Amino acid sequence: MQIVNIHEAKTHLSRLLESVATGQEIIIAKAGKPIARLAPLRATNKPRKPGALAGQLKIADNFDDPLPESITSAFRGE
């Protein structure tokens, strides 16, 4: 893991991003104190599967009911 100061990170951002793209993590420091981590994104190759949460969520029977007047008037600023 490489540690660079803010000035170096700003000056060499393109080079640092190339390193990150190969899997390396870089720590950005200010006055020698680590403040941020530059890390590669982990790609997800799994396609989304509809219905993955089937049976795990409950929607109330009155979910579609109109809101009470006290709430809708608040949206209108009354």
C-alpha atoms as a PDB file:
ATOM      1  CA  MET A   1       0.000   0.000   0.000  1.00  0.00           C
ATOM      2  CA  GLN A   2       1.430   3.331  -1.085  1.00  0.00           C
ATOM      3  CA  ILE A   3       1.063   6.525   0.961  1.00  0.00           C
ATOM      4  CA  VAL A   4       1.115   9.894  -0.835  1.00  0.00           C
ATOM      5  CA  ASN A   5       0.551  13.446   0.374  1.00  0.00           C
ATOM      6  CA  ILE A   6      -2.256  15.618  -0.993  1.00  0.00           C
ATOM      7  CA  HIS A   7       0.043  17.676  -3.233  1.00  0.00           C
ATOM      8  CA  GLU A   8       1.501  14.558  -4.837  1.00  0.00           C
ATOM      9  CA  ALA A   9      -1.995  13.063  -5.257  1.00  0.00           C
ATOM     10  CA  LYS A  10      -3.210  16.197  -7.049  1.00  0.00           C
ATOM     11  CA  THR A  11      -0.105  16.368  -9.226  1.00  0.00           C
ATOM     12  CA  HIS A  12      -0.053  12.687 -10.186  1.00  0.00           C
ATOM     13  CA  LEU A  13      -3.732  11.702 -10.034  1.00  0.00           C
ATOM     14  CA  SER A  14      -3.719  10.023 -13.464  1.00  0.00           C
ATOM     15  CA  ARG A  15      -0.691   7.891 -12.555  1.00  0.00           C
ATOM     16  CA  LEU A  16      -2.218   6.979  -9.195  1.00  0.00           C
ATOM     17  CA  LEU A  17      -5.489   5.955 -10.857  1.00  0.00           C
ATOM     18  CA  GLU A  18      -3.555   3.688 -13.226  1.00  0.00           C
ATOM     19  CA  SER A  19      -2.036   1.975 -10.179  1.00  0.00           C
ATOM     20  CA  VAL A  20      -5.442   1.646  -8.565  1.00  0.00           C
ATOM     21  CA  ALA A  21      -6.822   0.103 -11.764  1.00  0.00           C
ATOM     22  CA  THR A  22      -4.288  -2.722 -11.356  1.00  0.00           C
ATOM     23  CA  GLY A  23      -5.606  -3.459  -7.860  1.00  0.00           C
ATOM     24  CA  GLN A  24      -3.301  -1.373  -5.683  1.00  0.00           C
ATOM     25  CA  GLU A  25      -4.690   0.731  -2.826  1.00  0.00           C
ATOM     26  CA  ILE A  26      -3.267   4.177  -2.147  1.00  0.00           C
ATOM     27  CA  ILE A  27      -3.563   6.183   1.064  1.00  0.00           C
ATOM     28  CA  ILE A  28      -3.729   9.969   0.766  1.00  0.00           C
ATOM     29  CA  ALA A  29      -2.283  11.802   3.756  1.00  0.00           C
ATOM     30  CA  LYS A  30      -2.310  15.368   5.016  1.00  0.00           C
ATOM     31  CA  ALA A  31       0.682  16.363   7.127  1.00  0.00           C
ATOM     32  CA  GLY A  32       1.581  12.682   7.392  1.00  0.00           C
ATOM     33  CA  LYS A  33      -1.849  11.703   8.754  1.00  0.00           C
ATOM     34  CA  PRO A  34      -3.923   9.345   6.549  1.00  0.00           C
ATOM     35  CA  ILE A  35      -7.226  10.960   5.547  1.00  0.00           C
ATOM     36  CA  ALA A  36      -8.474   8.986   2.527  1.00  0.00           C
ATOM     37  CA  ARG A  37      -8.064   5.707   0.698  1.00  0.00           C
ATOM     38  CA  LEU A  38      -8.024   5.409  -3.084  1.00  0.00           C
ATOM     39  CA  ALA A  39      -9.121   1.871  -3.898  1.00  0.00           C
ATOM     40  CA  PRO A  40     -10.376   0.002  -6.974  1.00  0.00           C
ATOM     41  CA  LEU A  41     -14.082  -0.600  -7.375  1.00  0.00           C
ATOM     42  CA  ARG A  42     -15.099  -4.204  -7.121  1.00  0.00           C
ATOM     43  CA  ALA A  43     -17.196  -5.098 -10.144  1.00  0.00           C
ATOM     44  CA  THR A  44     -20.134  -7.375  -9.596  1.00  0.00           C
ATOM     45  CA  ASN A  45     -20.526  -9.876 -12.379  1.00  0.00           C
ATOM     46  CA  LYS A  46     -23.673 -11.393 -10.949  1.00  0.00           C
ATOM     47  CA  PRO A  47     -26.823 -10.422 -12.820  1.00  0.00           C
ATOM     48  CA  ARG A  48     -29.678  -9.132 -10.702  1.00  0.00           C
ATOM     49  CA  LYS A  49     -32.252 -11.758  -9.880  1.00  0.00           C
ATOM     50  CA  PRO A  50     -35.857 -10.501  -9.577  1.00  0.00           C
ATOM     51  CA  GLY A  51     -37.669 -11.807  -6.531  1.00  0.00           C
ATOM     52  CA  ALA A  52     -34.541 -12.333  -4.448  1.00  0.00           C
ATOM     53  CA  LEU A  53     -36.332 -10.901  -1.380  1.00  0.00           C
ATOM     54  CA  ALA A  54     -39.625 -12.704  -1.957  1.00  0.00           C
ATOM     55  CA  GLY A  55     -41.232 -13.567   1.365  1.00  0.00           C
ATOM     56  CA  GLN A  56     -38.822 -11.381   3.351  1.00  0.00           C
ATOM     57  CA  LEU A  57     -40.663  -8.063   3.063  1.00  0.00           C
ATOM     58  CA  LYS A  58     -44.133  -7.112   4.270  1.00  0.00           C
ATOM     59  CA  ILE A  59     -46.109  -4.238   2.792  1.00  0.00           C
ATOM     60  CA  ALA A  60     -48.961  -2.982   4.941  1.00  0.00           C
ATOM     61  CA  ASP A  61     -52.481  -3.457   3.569  1.00  0.00           C
ATOM     62  CA  ASN A  62     -53.093   0.290   3.767  1.00  0.00           C
ATOM     63  CA  PHE A  63     -49.875   1.220   1.929  1.00  0.00           C
ATOM     64  CA  ASP A  64     -51.780   2.903  -0.933  1.00  0.00           C
ATOM     65  CA  ASP A  65     -54.316   4.723   1.265  1.00  0.00           C
ATOM     66  CA  PRO A  66     -54.372   8.529   1.025  1.00  0.00           C
ATOM     67  CA  LEU A  67     -52.360  10.424   3.623  1.00  0.00           C
ATOM     68  CA  PRO A  68     -54.191  12.170   6.446  1.00  0.00           C
ATOM     69  CA  GLU A  69     -55.133  15.809   5.799  1.00  0.00           C
ATOM     70  CA  SER A  70     -52.702  16.983   8.509  1.00  0.00           C
ATOM     71  CA  ILE A  71     -49.786  15.593   6.513  1.00  0.00           C
ATOM     72  CA  THR A  72     -50.921  16.706   3.044  1.00  0.00           C
ATOM     73  CA  SER A  73     -51.531  20.237   4.348  1.00  0.00           C
ATOM     74  CA  ALA A  74     -47.947  20.300   5.645  1.00  0.00           C
ATOM     75  CA  PHE A  75     -46.719  19.551   2.105  1.00  0.00           C
ATOM     76  CA  ARG A  76     -48.780  22.482   0.852  1.00  0.00           C
ATOM     77  CA  GLY A  77     -47.256  24.719   3.544  1.00  0.00           C
ATOM     78  CA  GLU A  78     -50.508  25.260   5.379  1.00  0.00           C
END
